[in-house]
Amino acid sequence: MNSYSVKQVSSFSKLSIRAIHYYDKIGLLKPASRTEAGYRLYGETELFRLQQILFYRELDFPLTEIKALLDDSEF
């Protein structure tokens, strides 16, 4: 499994590192794991979720609504 750092995810998504950290803080995009030093690592599942987040952001959905949609078991 490939793991990507916050910096790499930021580069892929054009989101700021601060935004990615905020998404983690609010539970919208949790990292797959953390290194011993505490660095966040994201896998392909998280990148797919980020793709969905970006799609809904493009449609001007608020973050709280996006989280509710993606966390819904029927989604």
C-alpha atoms as a PDB file:
ATOM      1  CA  MET A   1       0.000   0.000   0.000  1.00  0.00           C
ATOM      2  CA  ASN A   2       1.269   3.445  -0.902  1.00  0.00           C
ATOM      3  CA  SER A   3       1.384   6.087   1.796  1.00  0.00           C
ATOM      4  CA  TYR A   4       1.390   9.798   1.093  1.00  0.00           C
ATOM      5  CA  SER A   5       2.484  12.637   3.345  1.00  0.00           C
ATOM      6  CA  VAL A   6       0.423  15.755   3.956  1.00  0.00           C
ATOM      7  CA  LYS A   7       2.765  17.651   1.635  1.00  0.00           C
ATOM      8  CA  GLN A   8       2.180  15.143  -1.167  1.00  0.00           C
ATOM      9  CA  VAL A   9      -1.595  15.174  -0.638  1.00  0.00           C
ATOM     10  CA  SER A  10      -1.491  18.965  -0.656  1.00  0.00           C
ATOM     11  CA  SER A  11       0.359  18.889  -3.961  1.00  0.00           C
ATOM     12  CA  PHE A  12      -2.101  16.403  -5.517  1.00  0.00           C
ATOM     13  CA  SER A  13      -5.208  18.223  -4.358  1.00  0.00           C
ATOM     14  CA  LYS A  14      -4.121  21.870  -4.470  1.00  0.00           C
ATOM     15  CA  LEU A  15      -5.344  22.198  -0.861  1.00  0.00           C
ATOM     16  CA  SER A  16      -3.159  23.899   1.690  1.00  0.00           C
ATOM     17  CA  ILE A  17      -1.460  21.810   4.344  1.00  0.00           C
ATOM     18  CA  ARG A  18      -3.407  23.827   6.894  1.00  0.00           C
ATOM     19  CA  ALA A  19      -6.715  22.805   5.255  1.00  0.00           C
ATOM     20  CA  ILE A  20      -5.731  19.130   5.347  1.00  0.00           C
ATOM     21  CA  HIS A  21      -4.827  19.448   9.023  1.00  0.00           C
ATOM     22  CA  TYR A  22      -8.195  21.133   9.634  1.00  0.00           C
ATOM     23  CA  TYR A  23     -10.038  18.327   7.824  1.00  0.00           C
ATOM     24  CA  ASP A  24      -8.318  15.890  10.185  1.00  0.00           C
ATOM     25  CA  LYS A  25      -9.209  17.996  13.223  1.00  0.00           C
ATOM     26  CA  ILE A  26     -12.937  18.026  12.360  1.00  0.00           C
ATOM     27  CA  GLY A  27     -12.937  14.330  11.413  1.00  0.00           C
ATOM     28  CA  LEU A  28     -13.623  14.892   7.728  1.00  0.00           C
ATOM     29  CA  LEU A  29     -10.397  13.320   6.448  1.00  0.00           C
ATOM     30  CA  LYS A  30      -8.502  11.170   8.926  1.00  0.00           C
ATOM     31  CA  PRO A  31      -5.055   9.841   8.032  1.00  0.00           C
ATOM     32  CA  ALA A  32      -4.628   6.099   7.527  1.00  0.00           C
ATOM     33  CA  SER A  33      -1.748   6.112   9.987  1.00  0.00           C
ATOM     34  CA  ARG A  34       0.887   8.233  11.645  1.00  0.00           C
ATOM     35  CA  THR A  35       4.626   7.831  11.801  1.00  0.00           C
ATOM     36  CA  GLU A  36       6.445   7.493  15.118  1.00  0.00           C
ATOM     37  CA  ALA A  37       7.152  11.224  14.849  1.00  0.00           C
ATOM     38  CA  GLY A  38       3.421  11.938  14.476  1.00  0.00           C
ATOM     39  CA  TYR A  39       3.370  12.760  10.776  1.00  0.00           C
ATOM     40  CA  ARG A  40       0.085  11.970   9.046  1.00  0.00           C
ATOM     41  CA  LEU A  41       0.099   9.374   6.257  1.00  0.00           C
ATOM     42  CA  TYR A  42      -2.740   8.912   3.788  1.00  0.00           C
ATOM     43  CA  GLY A  43      -3.531   5.873   1.668  1.00  0.00           C
ATOM     44  CA  GLU A  44      -5.609   5.336  -1.432  1.00  0.00           C
ATOM     45  CA  THR A  45      -8.864   5.046   0.559  1.00  0.00           C
ATOM     46  CA  GLU A  46      -8.247   8.482   2.063  1.00  0.00           C
ATOM     47  CA  LEU A  47      -7.361   9.951  -1.334  1.00  0.00           C
ATOM     48  CA  PHE A  48     -10.638   8.614  -2.736  1.00  0.00           C
ATOM     49  CA  ARG A  49     -12.502  10.247   0.167  1.00  0.00           C
ATOM     50  CA  LEU A  50     -10.603  13.489  -0.497  1.00  0.00           C
ATOM     51  CA  GLN A  51     -11.691  13.329  -4.133  1.00  0.00           C
ATOM     52  CA  GLN A  52     -15.305  13.128  -2.973  1.00  0.00           C
ATOM     53  CA  ILE A  53     -14.774  16.004  -0.540  1.00  0.00           C
ATOM     54  CA  LEU A  54     -13.344  18.171  -3.317  1.00  0.00           C
ATOM     55  CA  PHE A  55     -16.277  17.298  -5.575  1.00  0.00           C
ATOM     56  CA  TYR A  56     -18.802  18.468  -2.987  1.00  0.00           C
ATOM     57  CA  ARG A  57     -16.722  21.554  -2.154  1.00  0.00           C
ATOM     58  CA  GLU A  58     -16.846  22.477  -5.837  1.00  0.00           C
ATOM     59  CA  LEU A  59     -20.641  22.360  -5.531  1.00  0.00           C
ATOM     60  CA  ASP A  60     -20.426  24.712  -2.489  1.00  0.00           C
ATOM     61  CA  PHE A  61     -21.562  22.170   0.098  1.00  0.00           C
ATOM     62  CA  PRO A  62     -20.517  23.135   3.636  1.00  0.00           C
ATOM     63  CA  LEU A  63     -17.956  20.872   5.314  1.00  0.00           C
ATOM     64  CA  THR A  64     -20.427  19.712   7.966  1.00  0.00           C
ATOM     65  CA  GLU A  65     -22.847  18.543   5.281  1.00  0.00           C
ATOM     66  CA  ILE A  66     -20.074  16.825   3.333  1.00  0.00           C
ATOM     67  CA  LYS A  67     -19.021  14.961   6.469  1.00  0.00           C
ATOM     68  CA  ALA A  68     -22.606  13.886   7.129  1.00  0.00           C
ATOM     69  CA  LEU A  69     -22.976  12.645   3.526  1.00  0.00           C
ATOM     70  CA  LEU A  70     -19.726  10.699   3.468  1.00  0.00           C
ATOM     71  CA  ASP A  71     -20.259   9.186   6.913  1.00  0.00           C
ATOM     72  CA  ASP A  72     -23.787   8.038   6.057  1.00  0.00           C
ATOM     73  CA  SER A  73     -23.813   4.229   5.807  1.00  0.00           C
ATOM     74  CA  GLU A  74     -26.140   4.432   2.791  1.00  0.00           C
ATOM     75  CA  PHE A  75     -23.751   6.691   0.833  1.00  0.00           C
END
